[in-house]
Amino acid sequence: MALGHALRNIGVKLITVETAEEMSKAITDHTAMIYLMTNDASATGQPFSLEVIVELARPKNIPVLIDAAAEVTIPNTHLKRGASVAAYSGGKAICGPQCCGLLLGQRYINVCLAG
C-alpha cells in the first residue's frame, strides 16, 4: 500500500471499485491510470482479473499499474498479462534495501515517480 500513499501524496484522487462494472462506470476523461494491488481477485479467470481490467483500460489508452511489491514473481507475469507497469519492492526477492525497487513496464508508457 506504500505506492498508494505515494500516489495520494502527489495529489492523485484514488477511486476504489470492486467489480469490472463499477470500474467501467468510474472511468472518465480525468482518469490518468488504473492502479491495482495484486490479490486473488486479480488472478486469471476471475471476474475482475487483470485481463478484464486491461480490456477496459486499453481502448481508452489508460495505463494499468500493478503493485506487485509483496510478490516474488520475476520475470514479470503481470506484463505478459497486459499490465502497463509493475512495481516491485527492492527488499523482497531482489534482496536489496527496502528504500529501492523496480518499475518494469511497456516501452510506450511514460511514468515518473519521485522517491
Protein backbone atom coordinates (compact mmCIF):
# COMPACT_ATOMS: atom_id res chain seq x y z
CA MET A 1 0.00 0.00 0.00
CA ALA A 2 3.06 2.27 0.16
CA LEU A 3 2.64 3.07 -3.52
CA GLY A 4 -0.97 4.09 -2.85
CA HIS A 5 0.30 6.57 -0.24
CA ALA A 6 2.89 7.88 -2.70
CA LEU A 7 0.17 8.46 -5.27
CA ARG A 8 -2.03 10.32 -2.77
CA ASN A 9 0.94 12.46 -1.68
CA ILE A 10 1.28 13.92 -5.17
CA GLY A 11 -2.40 14.86 -5.24
CA VAL A 12 -3.93 11.89 -7.02
CA LYS A 13 -7.51 11.02 -6.12
CA LEU A 14 -7.88 7.25 -5.75
CA ILE A 15 -11.28 5.76 -6.51
CA THR A 16 -11.86 2.26 -5.16
CA VAL A 17 -14.02 -0.18 -7.11
CA GLU A 18 -14.79 -3.85 -6.53
CA THR A 19 -16.15 -5.04 -9.86
CA ALA A 20 -15.42 -4.55 -13.54
CA GLU A 21 -18.84 -2.92 -13.92
CA GLU A 22 -18.02 -0.36 -11.20
CA MET A 23 -14.68 0.32 -12.88
CA SER A 24 -16.27 0.84 -16.26
CA LYS A 25 -18.61 3.44 -14.74
CA ALA A 26 -15.78 5.13 -12.79
CA ILE A 27 -13.52 5.72 -15.81
CA THR A 28 -13.83 9.31 -17.06
CA ASP A 29 -11.82 11.75 -19.15
CA HIS A 30 -9.93 12.59 -15.94
CA THR A 31 -8.75 9.01 -15.37
CA ALA A 32 -4.95 9.03 -15.64
CA MET A 33 -4.15 5.48 -14.59
CA ILE A 34 -5.62 2.32 -13.11
CA TYR A 35 -3.72 1.21 -10.00
CA LEU A 36 -4.15 -2.41 -8.95
CA MET A 37 -2.78 -4.29 -5.99
CA THR A 38 -2.22 -7.97 -6.63
CA ASN A 39 -4.60 -10.36 -4.91
CA ASP A 40 -6.61 -13.50 -5.65
CA ALA A 41 -9.35 -11.45 -7.34
CA SER A 42 -6.88 -10.23 -9.98
CA ALA A 43 -5.88 -13.80 -10.91
CA THR A 44 -6.50 -15.08 -14.43
CA GLY A 45 -10.03 -16.42 -14.88
CA GLN A 46 -11.58 -14.34 -12.09
CA PRO A 47 -14.44 -11.90 -12.85
CA PHE A 48 -12.19 -8.91 -12.01
CA SER A 49 -8.92 -10.30 -13.34
CA LEU A 50 -6.05 -8.21 -14.67
CA GLU A 51 -7.06 -9.26 -18.19
CA VAL A 52 -10.60 -7.89 -17.67
CA ILE A 53 -9.19 -4.62 -16.31
CA VAL A 54 -6.82 -4.30 -19.28
CA GLU A 55 -9.76 -4.84 -21.67
CA LEU A 56 -11.48 -1.84 -20.06
CA ALA A 57 -8.37 0.36 -19.99
CA ARG A 58 -6.61 -0.30 -23.29
CA PRO A 59 -9.30 1.12 -25.67
CA LYS A 60 -9.21 4.35 -23.65
CA ASN A 61 -5.37 4.49 -23.57
CA ILE A 62 -5.30 4.29 -19.78
CA PRO A 63 -2.18 2.63 -18.36
CA VAL A 64 -2.58 -0.12 -15.74
CA LEU A 65 -0.03 -0.09 -12.89
CA ILE A 66 0.05 -3.24 -10.78
CA ASP A 67 1.57 -3.03 -7.30
CA ALA A 68 3.49 -6.30 -7.00
CA ALA A 69 5.65 -5.16 -4.08
CA ALA A 70 4.70 -8.15 -1.95
CA GLU A 71 5.47 -10.66 -4.69
CA VAL A 72 8.49 -12.56 -5.88
CA THR A 73 7.26 -13.17 -9.44
CA ILE A 74 10.21 -12.34 -11.66
CA PRO A 75 10.23 -12.48 -14.68
CA ASN A 76 7.13 -10.42 -14.61
CA THR A 77 3.94 -12.34 -15.29
CA HIS A 78 1.83 -9.18 -14.94
CA LEU A 79 3.32 -7.52 -18.03
CA LYS A 80 2.65 -10.70 -20.02
CA ARG A 81 -0.99 -10.49 -18.89
CA GLY A 82 -1.33 -6.90 -20.13
CA ALA A 83 -0.29 -4.57 -17.30
CA SER A 84 1.47 -1.40 -18.47
CA VAL A 85 3.73 -1.08 -15.42
CA ALA A 86 4.56 -3.32 -12.44
CA ALA A 87 6.13 -2.04 -9.22
CA TYR A 88 8.38 -4.33 -7.16
CA SER A 89 9.89 -3.81 -3.72
CA GLY A 90 13.66 -3.94 -3.61
CA GLY A 91 13.68 -5.62 -0.23
CA LYS A 92 11.99 -8.91 -1.09
CA ALA A 93 13.03 -11.16 -3.99
CA ILE A 94 15.56 -8.60 -5.18
CA CYS A 95 17.28 -8.69 -1.75
CA GLY A 96 18.15 -5.00 -1.87
CA PRO A 97 17.46 -2.16 0.53
CA GLN A 98 13.82 -1.50 1.46
CA CYS A 99 14.09 2.02 0.04
CA CYS A 100 14.66 0.80 -3.52
CA GLY A 101 12.54 -1.05 -6.03
CA LEU A 102 11.84 -1.65 -9.69
CA LEU A 103 9.29 -0.22 -12.07
CA LEU A 104 9.02 -2.59 -15.01
CA GLY A 105 6.86 -1.66 -17.92
CA GLN A 106 5.93 -1.37 -21.51
CA ARG A 107 8.12 0.84 -23.66
CA TYR A 108 5.31 3.19 -24.68
CA ILE A 109 4.37 4.25 -21.13
CA ASN A 110 5.77 7.49 -19.72
CA VAL A 111 5.72 7.18 -15.93
CA CYS A 112 7.64 9.33 -13.49
CA LEU A 113 7.55 8.52 -9.78
CA ALA A 114 9.72 10.55 -7.43
CA GLY A 115 11.02 8.97 -4.25
